[in-house]
């Protein structure tokens, strides 16, 4: 069962990587997923920094990575609107599901 589960995970990852660089709306969606997750983490760490005055380096590192990688991915996305909407949706959902309950 473990190998079957790993096989399913690997096939999903390979499908995502195959469609990553195609010139369609799906690739813009895929480019936005990791940036949305990074934005959610940056928001969570930023709020934690404001309240507890700790994790400054983590916040600066996340913010710098978000600006650099987000800028590169935004440039490569074929449909900027799909990228922006997906990033905003994933950021909000990720923050409210994973970070907000613990802050």
C-alpha atoms as a PDB file:
ATOM      1  CA  UNK A   1       0.000   0.000   0.000  1.00  0.00           C
ATOM      2  CA  UNK A   2       2.864   2.374   0.758  1.00  0.00           C
ATOM      3  CA  UNK A   3       4.341   1.925  -2.723  1.00  0.00           C
ATOM      4  CA  UNK A   4       0.919   2.410  -4.310  1.00  0.00           C
ATOM      5  CA  UNK A   5       0.507   5.662  -2.399  1.00  0.00           C
ATOM      6  CA  UNK A   6       3.962   6.820  -3.425  1.00  0.00           C
ATOM      7  CA  UNK A   7       3.194   5.896  -7.023  1.00  0.00           C
ATOM      8  CA  UNK A   8       0.042   8.021  -6.985  1.00  0.00           C
ATOM      9  CA  UNK A   9       1.912  10.969  -5.467  1.00  0.00           C
ATOM     10  CA  UNK A  10       4.719  10.662  -8.024  1.00  0.00           C
ATOM     11  CA  UNK A  11       2.258  10.497 -10.916  1.00  0.00           C
ATOM     12  CA  UNK A  12       0.450  13.615  -9.719  1.00  0.00           C
ATOM     13  CA  UNK A  13       3.755  15.452  -9.344  1.00  0.00           C
ATOM     14  CA  UNK A  14       4.901  14.385 -12.802  1.00  0.00           C
ATOM     15  CA  UNK A  15       1.593  15.565 -14.306  1.00  0.00           C
ATOM     16  CA  UNK A  16       2.033  18.957 -12.637  1.00  0.00           C
ATOM     17  CA  UNK A  17       5.623  19.269 -13.826  1.00  0.00           C
ATOM     18  CA  UNK A  18       4.635  18.262 -17.361  1.00  0.00           C
ATOM     19  CA  UNK A  19       1.992  20.992 -17.551  1.00  0.00           C
ATOM     20  CA  UNK A  20       4.070  23.621 -15.715  1.00  0.00           C
ATOM     21  CA  UNK A  21       5.685  25.198 -18.796  1.00  0.00           C
ATOM     22  CA  UNK A  22       2.889  24.817 -21.312  1.00  0.00           C
ATOM     23  CA  UNK A  23       1.410  28.019 -22.701  1.00  0.00           C
ATOM     24  CA  UNK A  24      -2.104  27.843 -21.257  1.00  0.00           C
ATOM     25  CA  UNK A  25      -4.196  29.016 -18.290  1.00  0.00           C
ATOM     26  CA  UNK A  26      -3.398  25.806 -16.405  1.00  0.00           C
ATOM     27  CA  UNK A  27       0.306  26.717 -16.321  1.00  0.00           C
ATOM     28  CA  UNK A  28      -0.516  30.149 -14.859  1.00  0.00           C
ATOM     29  CA  UNK A  29      -2.524  28.376 -12.152  1.00  0.00           C
ATOM     30  CA  UNK A  30       0.417  26.065 -11.409  1.00  0.00           C
ATOM     31  CA  UNK A  31       2.869  28.972 -11.235  1.00  0.00           C
ATOM     32  CA  UNK A  32       0.660  30.669  -8.633  1.00  0.00           C
ATOM     33  CA  UNK A  33       0.321  27.724  -6.227  1.00  0.00           C
ATOM     34  CA  UNK A  34       3.756  27.876  -4.535  1.00  0.00           C
ATOM     35  CA  UNK A  35       3.696  31.675  -4.492  1.00  0.00           C
ATOM     36  CA  UNK A  36       0.310  31.642  -2.783  1.00  0.00           C
ATOM     37  CA  UNK A  37       1.651  29.256  -0.149  1.00  0.00           C
ATOM     38  CA  UNK A  38       4.692  31.447   0.414  1.00  0.00           C
ATOM     39  CA  UNK A  39       2.470  34.524   0.700  1.00  0.00           C
ATOM     40  CA  UNK A  40       0.324  32.766   3.324  1.00  0.00           C
ATOM     41  CA  UNK A  41       3.416  31.854   5.323  1.00  0.00           C
ATOM     42  CA  UNK A  42       4.732  35.403   5.036  1.00  0.00           C
ATOM     43  CA  UNK A  43       1.445  36.772   6.378  1.00  0.00           C
ATOM     44  CA  UNK A  44       1.444  34.299   9.259  1.00  0.00           C
ATOM     45  CA  UNK A  45       5.043  34.981  10.217  1.00  0.00           C
ATOM     46  CA  UNK A  46       4.490  38.736   9.854  1.00  0.00           C
ATOM     47  CA  UNK A  47       1.556  38.700  12.245  1.00  0.00           C
ATOM     48  CA  UNK A  48       3.519  36.530  14.673  1.00  0.00           C
ATOM     49  CA  UNK A  49       6.416  38.987  14.421  1.00  0.00           C
ATOM     50  CA  UNK A  50       4.156  41.929  15.243  1.00  0.00           C
ATOM     51  CA  UNK A  51       2.613  40.189  18.256  1.00  0.00           C
ATOM     52  CA  UNK A  52       5.662  38.404  19.730  1.00  0.00           C
ATOM     53  CA  UNK A  53       8.658  40.355  18.366  1.00  0.00           C
ATOM     54  CA  UNK A  54      10.440  37.251  17.144  1.00  0.00           C
ATOM     55  CA  UNK A  55      11.188  35.524  13.801  1.00  0.00           C
ATOM     56  CA  UNK A  56      12.395  38.708  12.099  1.00  0.00           C
ATOM     57  CA  UNK A  57      14.902  36.825   9.903  1.00  0.00           C
ATOM     58  CA  UNK A  58      12.234  34.331   8.841  1.00  0.00           C
ATOM     59  CA  UNK A  59       9.895  37.173   7.883  1.00  0.00           C
ATOM     60  CA  UNK A  60      12.597  39.011   5.897  1.00  0.00           C
ATOM     61  CA  UNK A  61      13.630  35.754   4.195  1.00  0.00           C
ATOM     62  CA  UNK A  62      10.010  34.932   3.258  1.00  0.00           C
ATOM     63  CA  UNK A  63       9.323  38.460   2.031  1.00  0.00           C
ATOM     64  CA  UNK A  64      12.476  38.511  -0.098  1.00  0.00           C
ATOM     65  CA  UNK A  65      11.695  35.089  -1.539  1.00  0.00           C
ATOM     66  CA  UNK A  66       8.130  36.150  -2.243  1.00  0.00           C
ATOM     67  CA  UNK A  67       9.310  39.233  -4.126  1.00  0.00           C
ATOM     68  CA  UNK A  68      12.027  37.463  -6.132  1.00  0.00           C
ATOM     69  CA  UNK A  69      10.331  34.164  -6.929  1.00  0.00           C
ATOM     70  CA  UNK A  70       6.903  35.790  -7.224  1.00  0.00           C
ATOM     71  CA  UNK A  71       8.281  38.286  -9.725  1.00  0.00           C
ATOM     72  CA  UNK A  72       9.923  35.559 -11.788  1.00  0.00           C
ATOM     73  CA  UNK A  73       6.831  33.375 -11.799  1.00  0.00           C
ATOM     74  CA  UNK A  74       4.589  36.337 -12.621  1.00  0.00           C
ATOM     75  CA  UNK A  75       6.753  37.163 -15.628  1.00  0.00           C
ATOM     76  CA  UNK A  76       6.552  33.568 -16.889  1.00  0.00           C
ATOM     77  CA  UNK A  77       2.793  33.198 -16.377  1.00  0.00           C
ATOM     78  CA  UNK A  78       0.926  33.448 -19.667  1.00  0.00           C
ATOM     79  CA  UNK A  79      -2.336  34.644 -18.119  1.00  0.00           C
ATOM     80  CA  UNK A  80      -1.563  37.238 -15.445  1.00  0.00           C
ATOM     81  CA  UNK A  81      -5.189  37.464 -14.305  1.00  0.00           C
ATOM     82  CA  UNK A  82      -5.421  33.737 -13.565  1.00  0.00           C
ATOM     83  CA  UNK A  83      -2.075  33.929 -11.764  1.00  0.00           C
ATOM     84  CA  UNK A  84      -3.191  36.864  -9.579  1.00  0.00           C
ATOM     85  CA  UNK A  85      -6.584  35.387  -8.684  1.00  0.00           C
ATOM     86  CA  UNK A  86      -5.093  31.978  -7.901  1.00  0.00           C
ATOM     87  CA  UNK A  87      -2.326  33.492  -5.791  1.00  0.00           C
ATOM     88  CA  UNK A  88      -4.787  35.614  -3.806  1.00  0.00           C
ATOM     89  CA  UNK A  89      -7.149  32.667  -3.270  1.00  0.00           C
ATOM     90  CA  UNK A  90      -4.413  30.264  -2.191  1.00  0.00           C
ATOM     91  CA  UNK A  91      -2.843  32.910   0.056  1.00  0.00           C
ATOM     92  CA  UNK A  92      -6.108  33.633   1.854  1.00  0.00           C
ATOM     93  CA  UNK A  93      -7.105  29.976   2.130  1.00  0.00           C
ATOM     94  CA  UNK A  94      -3.650  28.919   3.299  1.00  0.00           C
ATOM     95  CA  UNK A  95      -3.495  31.657   5.898  1.00  0.00           C
ATOM     96  CA  UNK A  96      -6.958  31.023   7.336  1.00  0.00           C
ATOM     97  CA  UNK A  97      -6.596  27.224   7.336  1.00  0.00           C
ATOM     98  CA  UNK A  98      -2.989  26.775   8.477  1.00  0.00           C
ATOM     99  CA  UNK A  99      -1.855  29.952  10.287  1.00  0.00           C
ATOM    100  CA  UNK A 100      -4.822  31.899  11.670  1.00  0.00           C
ATOM    101  CA  UNK A 101      -6.057  29.147  14.040  1.00  0.00           C
ATOM    102  CA  UNK A 102      -2.647  28.978  15.734  1.00  0.00           C
ATOM    103  CA  UNK A 103      -1.919  32.687  16.102  1.00  0.00           C
END
